[in-house]
Amino acid sequence: MAFIRVIVGTNMSVKLDEYKNNRDLNARIPNYNVSMGFGLHVGWAIEGAIGSNYKIDASYLSPNVNMSSRLEAATR
């Protein structure tokens, strides 16, 4: 159900529609379309911060995260 909500929300997004209909962007990237892949698996994970003083990203480690990554890769 979460996948469907994300896809519906993306398709109904006014902001994404503005980008899609922007003349300058369409000239630079003709026929651009948003596409997504999903991987969902439930389990434990360890979260850690990776980055510098200017930018910090979260990273997650566990066998469950690896399974989600494989599932997402299979949707391509």
PDB file of N, CA and C in Angstrom:
ATOM      1  N   MET A   1       0.821  -1.188   0.000  1.00  0.00           N
ATOM      2  CA  MET A   1       0.000   0.000   0.000  1.00  0.00           C
ATOM      3  C   MET A   1       0.869   1.258   0.000  1.00  0.00           C
ATOM      4  N   ALA A   2       2.019   1.197   0.688  1.00  0.00           N
ATOM      5  CA  ALA A   2       2.912   2.357   0.736  1.00  0.00           C
ATOM      6  C   ALA A   2       3.436   2.698  -0.652  1.00  0.00           C
ATOM      7  N   PHE A   3       3.727   1.672  -1.457  1.00  0.00           N
ATOM      8  CA  PHE A   3       4.205   1.901  -2.817  1.00  0.00           C
ATOM      9  C   PHE A   3       3.169   2.666  -3.631  1.00  0.00           C
ATOM     10  N   ILE A   4       1.935   2.251  -3.513  1.00  0.00           N
ATOM     11  CA  ILE A   4       0.860   2.889  -4.269  1.00  0.00           C
ATOM     12  C   ILE A   4       0.696   4.341  -3.849  1.00  0.00           C
ATOM     13  N   ARG A   5       0.798   4.614  -2.554  1.00  0.00           N
ATOM     14  CA  ARG A   5       0.683   5.989  -2.074  1.00  0.00           C
ATOM     15  C   ARG A   5       1.799   6.871  -2.614  1.00  0.00           C
ATOM     16  N   VAL A   6       3.012   6.344  -2.676  1.00  0.00           N
ATOM     17  CA  VAL A   6       4.136   7.122  -3.210  1.00  0.00           C
ATOM     18  C   VAL A   6       3.923   7.406  -4.692  1.00  0.00           C
ATOM     19  N   ILE A   7       3.522   6.404  -5.440  1.00  0.00           N
ATOM     20  CA  ILE A   7       3.314   6.586  -6.879  1.00  0.00           C
ATOM     21  C   ILE A   7       2.173   7.566  -7.150  1.00  0.00           C
ATOM     22  N   VAL A   8       1.063   7.428  -6.428  1.00  0.00           N
ATOM     23  CA  VAL A   8      -0.059   8.354  -6.603  1.00  0.00           C
ATOM     24  C   VAL A   8       0.356   9.767  -6.204  1.00  0.00           C
ATOM     25  N   GLY A   9       1.065   9.906  -5.101  1.00  0.00           N
ATOM     26  CA  GLY A   9       1.523  11.223  -4.665  1.00  0.00           C
ATOM     27  C   GLY A   9       2.456  11.879  -5.669  1.00  0.00           C
ATOM     28  N   THR A  10       3.318  11.083  -6.284  1.00  0.00           N
ATOM     29  CA  THR A  10       4.231  11.605  -7.298  1.00  0.00           C
ATOM     30  C   THR A  10       3.469  12.044  -8.540  1.00  0.00           C
ATOM     31  N   ASN A  11       2.518  11.236  -8.960  1.00  0.00           N
ATOM     32  CA  ASN A  11       1.738  11.577 -10.151  1.00  0.00           C
ATOM     33  C   ASN A  11       0.828  12.778  -9.932  1.00  0.00           C
ATOM     34  N   MET A  12       0.411  13.025  -8.696  1.00  0.00           N
ATOM     35  CA  MET A  12      -0.482  14.139  -8.398  1.00  0.00           C
ATOM     36  C   MET A  12       0.261  15.390  -7.939  1.00  0.00           C
ATOM     37  N   SER A  13       1.581  15.331  -7.869  1.00  0.00           N
ATOM     38  CA  SER A  13       2.369  16.447  -7.361  1.00  0.00           C
ATOM     39  C   SER A  13       2.307  17.659  -8.289  1.00  0.00           C
ATOM     40  N   VAL A  14       1.875  18.784  -7.748  1.00  0.00           N
ATOM     41  CA  VAL A  14       1.808  20.022  -8.508  1.00  0.00           C
ATOM     42  C   VAL A  14       3.219  20.506  -8.840  1.00  0.00           C
ATOM     43  N   LYS A  15       4.130  20.363  -7.903  1.00  0.00           N
ATOM     44  CA  LYS A  15       5.512  20.814  -8.104  1.00  0.00           C
ATOM     45  C   LYS A  15       6.187  20.030  -9.232  1.00  0.00           C
ATOM     46  N   LEU A  16       6.048  18.706  -9.237  1.00  0.00           N
ATOM     47  CA  LEU A  16       6.632  17.912 -10.318  1.00  0.00           C
ATOM     48  C   LEU A  16       5.973  18.240 -11.655  1.00  0.00           C
ATOM     49  N   ASP A  17       4.685  18.552 -11.635  1.00  0.00           N
ATOM     50  CA  ASP A  17       3.995  18.926 -12.864  1.00  0.00           C
ATOM     51  C   ASP A  17       4.544  20.239 -13.416  1.00  0.00           C
ATOM     52  N   GLU A  18       4.894  21.170 -12.519  1.00  0.00           N
ATOM     53  CA  GLU A  18       5.507  22.430 -12.961  1.00  0.00           C
ATOM     54  C   GLU A  18       6.846  22.168 -13.648  1.00  0.00           C
ATOM     55  N   TYR A  19       7.646  21.278 -13.080  1.00  0.00           N
ATOM     56  CA  TYR A  19       8.922  20.935 -13.710  1.00  0.00           C
ATOM     57  C   TYR A  19       8.705  20.241 -15.051  1.00  0.00           C
ATOM     58  N   LYS A  20       7.724  19.359 -15.097  1.00  0.00           N
ATOM     59  CA  LYS A  20       7.454  18.614 -16.330  1.00  0.00           C
ATOM     60  C   LYS A  20       7.038  19.542 -17.466  1.00  0.00           C
ATOM     61  N   ASN A  21       6.327  20.613 -17.140  1.00  0.00           N
ATOM     62  CA  ASN A  21       5.832  21.542 -18.149  1.00  0.00           C
ATOM     63  C   ASN A  21       6.710  22.780 -18.324  1.00  0.00           C
ATOM     64  N   ASN A  22       7.873  22.816 -17.686  1.00  0.00           N
ATOM     65  CA  ASN A  22       8.780  23.948 -17.805  1.00  0.00           C
ATOM     66  C   ASN A  22       9.477  23.920 -19.168  1.00  0.00           C
ATOM     67  N   ARG A  23       9.323  24.977 -19.934  1.00  0.00           N
ATOM     68  CA  ARG A  23       9.855  25.036 -21.298  1.00  0.00           C
ATOM     69  C   ARG A  23      11.384  24.934 -21.321  1.00  0.00           C
ATOM     70  N   ASP A  24      12.058  25.627 -20.411  1.00  0.00           N
ATOM     71  CA  ASP A  24      13.530  25.607 -20.383  1.00  0.00           C
ATOM     72  C   ASP A  24      14.074  24.219 -20.050  1.00  0.00           C
ATOM     73  N   LEU A  25      13.470  23.564 -19.061  1.00  0.00           N
ATOM     74  CA  LEU A  25      13.913  22.213 -18.699  1.00  0.00           C
ATOM     75  C   LEU A  25      13.637  21.214 -19.821  1.00  0.00           C
ATOM     76  N   ASN A  26      12.489  21.351 -20.475  1.00  0.00           N
ATOM     77  CA  ASN A  26      12.170  20.446 -21.578  1.00  0.00           C
ATOM     78  C   ASN A  26      13.114  20.632 -22.755  1.00  0.00           C
ATOM     79  N   ALA A  27      13.627  21.831 -22.924  1.00  0.00           N
ATOM     80  CA  ALA A  27      14.599  22.055 -23.992  1.00  0.00           C
ATOM     81  C   ALA A  27      15.920  21.363 -23.672  1.00  0.00           C
ATOM     82  N   ARG A  28      16.285  21.339 -22.389  1.00  0.00           N
ATOM     83  CA  ARG A  28      17.546  20.704 -21.980  1.00  0.00           C
ATOM     84  C   ARG A  28      17.434  19.191 -21.878  1.00  0.00           C
ATOM     85  N   ILE A  29      16.294  18.702 -21.400  1.00  0.00           N
ATOM     86  CA  ILE A  29      16.082  17.257 -21.219  1.00  0.00           C
ATOM     87  C   ILE A  29      14.727  16.896 -21.832  1.00  0.00           C
ATOM     88  N   PRO A  30      14.685  16.659 -23.139  1.00  0.00           N
ATOM     89  CA  PRO A  30      13.390  16.359 -23.765  1.00  0.00           C
ATOM     90  C   PRO A  30      12.815  15.012 -23.298  1.00  0.00           C
ATOM     91  N   ASN A  31      11.498  14.977 -23.152  1.00  0.00           N
ATOM     92  CA  ASN A  31      10.762  13.758 -22.780  1.00  0.00           C
ATOM     93  C   ASN A  31      11.206  13.152 -21.452  1.00  0.00           C
ATOM     94  N   TYR A  32      11.651  13.991 -20.506  1.00  0.00           N
ATOM     95  CA  TYR A  32      12.059  13.486 -19.197  1.00  0.00           C
ATOM     96  C   TYR A  32      10.842  12.978 -18.446  1.00  0.00           C
ATOM     97  N   ASN A  33      11.019  11.847 -17.746  1.00  0.00           N
ATOM     98  CA  ASN A  33       9.940  11.259 -16.968  1.00  0.00           C
ATOM     99  C   ASN A  33      10.514  10.719 -15.660  1.00  0.00           C
ATOM    100  N   VAL A  34       9.791  10.868 -14.579  1.00  0.00           N
ATOM    101  CA  VAL A  34      10.217  10.347 -13.285  1.00  0.00           C
ATOM    102  C   VAL A  34       9.913   8.853 -13.244  1.00  0.00           C
ATOM    103  N   SER A  35      10.914   8.047 -12.890  1.00  0.00           N
ATOM    104  CA  SER A  35      10.682   6.610 -12.718  1.00  0.00           C
ATOM    105  C   SER A  35      11.283   6.187 -11.382  1.00  0.00           C
ATOM    106  N   MET A  36      10.650   5.207 -10.755  1.00  0.00           N
ATOM    107  CA  MET A  36      11.080   4.780  -9.430  1.00  0.00           C
ATOM    108  C   MET A  36      11.115   3.266  -9.326  1.00  0.00           C
ATOM    109  N   GLY A  37      11.970   2.795  -8.436  1.00  0.00           N
ATOM    110  CA  GLY A  37      11.998   1.391  -8.080  1.00  0.00           C
ATOM    111  C   GLY A  37      11.927   1.289  -6.564  1.00  0.00           C
ATOM    112  N   PHE A  38      11.354   0.220  -6.055  1.00  0.00           N
ATOM    113  CA  PHE A  38      11.162   0.074  -4.617  1.00  0.00           C
ATOM    114  C   PHE A  38      11.705  -1.258  -4.127  1.00  0.00           C
ATOM    115  N   GLY A  39      12.230  -1.255  -2.914  1.00  0.00           N
ATOM    116  CA  GLY A  39      12.600  -2.480  -2.230  1.00  0.00           C
ATOM    117  C   GLY A  39      12.217  -2.329  -0.767  1.00  0.00           C
ATOM    118  N   LEU A  40      11.391  -3.205  -0.266  1.00  0.00           N
ATOM    119  CA  LEU A  40      10.913  -3.098   1.110  1.00  0.00           C
ATOM    120  C   LEU A  40      11.123  -4.425   1.816  1.00  0.00           C
ATOM    121  N   HIS A  41      11.794  -4.357   2.959  1.00  0.00           N
ATOM    122  CA  HIS A  41      12.023  -5.538   3.775  1.00  0.00           C
ATOM    123  C   HIS A  41      12.014  -5.078   5.226  1.00  0.00           C
ATOM    124  N   VAL A  42      11.515  -5.881   6.127  1.00  0.00           N
ATOM    125  CA  VAL A  42      11.401  -5.507   7.533  1.00  0.00           C
ATOM    126  C   VAL A  42      12.481  -6.206   8.331  1.00  0.00           C
ATOM    127  N   GLY A  43      13.102  -5.479   9.234  1.00  0.00           N
ATOM    128  CA  GLY A  43      14.119  -6.055  10.094  1.00  0.00           C
ATOM    129  C   GLY A  43      14.925  -4.974  10.785  1.00  0.00           C
ATOM    130  N   TRP A  44      15.953  -5.378  11.486  1.00  0.00           N
ATOM    131  CA  TRP A  44      16.777  -4.448  12.253  1.00  0.00           C
ATOM    132  C   TRP A  44      17.839  -3.833  11.349  1.00  0.00           C
ATOM    133  N   ALA A  45      18.357  -2.680  11.786  1.00  0.00           N
ATOM    134  CA  ALA A  45      19.444  -2.003  11.068  1.00  0.00           C
ATOM    135  C   ALA A  45      20.175  -1.092  12.036  1.00  0.00           C
ATOM    136  N   ILE A  46      21.424  -0.846  11.744  1.00  0.00           N
ATOM    137  CA  ILE A  46      22.229   0.101  12.506  1.00  0.00           C
ATOM    138  C   ILE A  46      22.371   1.355  11.654  1.00  0.00           C
ATOM    139  N   GLU A  47      22.049   2.520  12.242  1.00  0.00           N
ATOM    140  CA  GLU A  47      22.151   3.784  11.524  1.00  0.00           C
ATOM    141  C   GLU A  47      23.403   4.513  11.978  1.00  0.00           C
ATOM    142  N   GLY A  48      24.103   5.103  11.019  1.00  0.00           N
ATOM    143  CA  GLY A  48      25.288   5.876  11.342  1.00  0.00           C
ATOM    144  C   GLY A  48      25.383   7.098  10.464  1.00  0.00           C
ATOM    145  N   ALA A  49      26.013   8.141  10.971  1.00  0.00           N
ATOM    146  CA  ALA A  49      26.201   9.380  10.214  1.00  0.00           C
ATOM    147  C   ALA A  49      27.535   9.330   9.493  1.00  0.00           C
ATOM    148  N   ILE A  50      27.505   9.678   8.210  1.00  0.00           N
ATOM    149  CA  ILE A  50      28.708   9.726   7.393  1.00  0.00           C
ATOM    150  C   ILE A  50      28.744  11.095   6.736  1.00  0.00           C
ATOM    151  N   GLY A  51      29.901  11.735   6.738  1.00  0.00           N
ATOM    152  CA  GLY A  51      29.991  13.025   6.069  1.00  0.00           C
ATOM    153  C   GLY A  51      31.075  13.912   6.639  1.00  0.00           C
ATOM    154  N   SER A  52      30.842  15.203   6.508  1.00  0.00           N
ATOM    155  CA  SER A  52      31.810  16.206   6.961  1.00  0.00           C
ATOM    156  C   SER A  52      31.071  17.276   7.748  1.00  0.00           C
ATOM    157  N   ASN A  53      31.757  18.373   8.030  1.00  0.00           N
ATOM    158  CA  ASN A  53      31.119  19.476   8.744  1.00  0.00           C
ATOM    159  C   ASN A  53      30.059  20.171   7.897  1.00  0.00           C
ATOM    160  N   TYR A  54      30.091  19.985   6.581  1.00  0.00           N
ATOM    161  CA  TYR A  54      29.188  20.680   5.673  1.00  0.00           C
ATOM    162  C   TYR A  54      27.993  19.840   5.246  1.00  0.00           C
ATOM    163  N   LYS A  55      28.181  18.532   5.212  1.00  0.00           N
ATOM    164  CA  LYS A  55      27.092  17.656   4.770  1.00  0.00           C
ATOM    165  C   LYS A  55      27.175  16.332   5.517  1.00  0.00           C
ATOM    166  N   ILE A  56      26.045  15.893   6.037  1.00  0.00           N
ATOM    167  CA  ILE A  56      25.988  14.619   6.753  1.00  0.00           C
ATOM    168  C   ILE A  56      24.878  13.774   6.140  1.00  0.00           C
ATOM    169  N   ASP A  57      25.195  12.551   5.800  1.00  0.00           N
ATOM    170  CA  ASP A  57      24.224  11.598   5.278  1.00  0.00           C
ATOM    171  C   ASP A  57      24.089  10.444   6.254  1.00  0.00           C
ATOM    172  N   ALA A  58      22.919   9.845   6.267  1.00  0.00           N
ATOM    173  CA  ALA A  58      22.695   8.671   7.104  1.00  0.00           C
ATOM    174  C   ALA A  58      23.027   7.416   6.298  1.00  0.00           C
ATOM    175  N   SER A  59      23.601   6.449   6.967  1.00  0.00           N
ATOM    176  CA  SER A  59      23.889   5.164   6.346  1.00  0.00           C
ATOM    177  C   SER A  59      23.310   4.077   7.235  1.00  0.00           C
ATOM    178  N   TYR A  60      22.799   3.020   6.617  1.00  0.00           N
ATOM    179  CA  TYR A  60      22.175   1.933   7.356  1.00  0.00           C
ATOM    180  C   TYR A  60      22.857   0.626   6.985  1.00  0.00           C
ATOM    181  N   LEU A  61      23.148  -0.191   8.003  1.00  0.00           N
ATOM    182  CA  LEU A  61      23.846  -1.453   7.790  1.00  0.00           C
ATOM    183  C   LEU A  61      23.100  -2.596   8.469  1.00  0.00           C
ATOM    184  N   SER A  62      22.877  -3.679   7.727  1.00  0.00           N
ATOM    185  CA  SER A  62      22.351  -4.931   8.263  1.00  0.00           C
ATOM    186  C   SER A  62      22.068  -5.854   7.095  1.00  0.00           C
ATOM    187  N   PRO A  63      21.890  -7.136   7.361  1.00  0.00           N
ATOM    188  CA  PRO A  63      21.477  -8.043   6.282  1.00  0.00           C
ATOM    189  C   PRO A  63      20.114  -7.655   5.699  1.00  0.00           C
ATOM    190  N   ASN A  64      19.254  -7.065   6.527  1.00  0.00           N
ATOM    191  CA  ASN A  64      17.928  -6.642   6.064  1.00  0.00           C
ATOM    192  C   ASN A  64      18.031  -5.480   5.079  1.00  0.00           C
ATOM    193  N   VAL A  65      18.953  -4.572   5.316  1.00  0.00           N
ATOM    194  CA  VAL A  65      19.177  -3.462   4.390  1.00  0.00           C
ATOM    195  C   VAL A  65      19.706  -3.995   3.068  1.00  0.00           C
ATOM    196  N   ASN A  66      20.601  -4.965   3.131  1.00  0.00           N
ATOM    197  CA  ASN A  66      21.123  -5.564   1.906  1.00  0.00           C
ATOM    198  C   ASN A  66      20.005  -6.243   1.109  1.00  0.00           C
ATOM    199  N   MET A  67      19.087  -6.903   1.783  1.00  0.00           N
ATOM    200  CA  MET A  67      17.964  -7.548   1.107  1.00  0.00           C
ATOM    201  C   MET A  67      17.085  -6.489   0.429  1.00  0.00           C
ATOM    202  N   SER A  68      16.828  -5.378   1.103  1.00  0.00           N
ATOM    203  CA  SER A  68      16.045  -4.297   0.499  1.00  0.00           C
ATOM    204  C   SER A  68      16.739  -3.768  -0.743  1.00  0.00           C
ATOM    205  N   SER A  69      18.023  -3.619  -0.678  1.00  0.00           N
ATOM    206  CA  SER A  69      18.792  -3.144  -1.832  1.00  0.00           C
ATOM    207  C   SER A  69      18.679  -4.112  -3.006  1.00  0.00           C
ATOM    208  N   ARG A  70      18.749  -5.384  -2.733  1.00  0.00           N
ATOM    209  CA  ARG A  70      18.607  -6.388  -3.807  1.00  0.00           C
ATOM    210  C   ARG A  70      17.206  -6.382  -4.401  1.00  0.00           C
ATOM    211  N   LEU A  71      16.189  -6.226  -3.544  1.00  0.00           N
ATOM    212  CA  LEU A  71      14.812  -6.154  -4.035  1.00  0.00           C
ATOM    213  C   LEU A  71      14.608  -4.922  -4.923  1.00  0.00           C
ATOM    214  N   GLU A  72      15.162  -3.807  -4.492  1.00  0.00           N
ATOM    215  CA  GLU A  72      15.035  -2.570  -5.278  1.00  0.00           C
ATOM    216  C   GLU A  72      15.742  -2.717  -6.616  1.00  0.00           C
ATOM    217  N   ALA A  73      16.920  -3.329  -6.629  1.00  0.00           N
ATOM    218  CA  ALA A  73      17.653  -3.530  -7.873  1.00  0.00           C
ATOM    219  C   ALA A  73      16.889  -4.442  -8.827  1.00  0.00           C
ATOM    220  N   ALA A  74      16.125  -5.372  -8.288  1.00  0.00           N
ATOM    221  CA  ALA A  74      15.365  -6.298  -9.126  1.00  0.00           C
ATOM    222  C   ALA A  74      14.174  -5.622  -9.796  1.00  0.00           C
ATOM    223  N   THR A  75      13.755  -4.447  -9.301  1.00  0.00           N
ATOM    224  CA  THR A  75      12.604  -3.755  -9.893  1.00  0.00           C
ATOM    225  C   THR A  75      12.989  -2.938 -11.119  1.00  0.00           C
ATOM    226  N   ARG A  76      14.245  -2.846 -11.423  1.00  0.00           N
ATOM    227  CA  ARG A  76      14.670  -2.042 -12.581  1.00  0.00           C
ATOM    228  C   ARG A  76      14.393  -2.754 -13.816  1.00  0.00           C
TER     229      ARG A  76
END
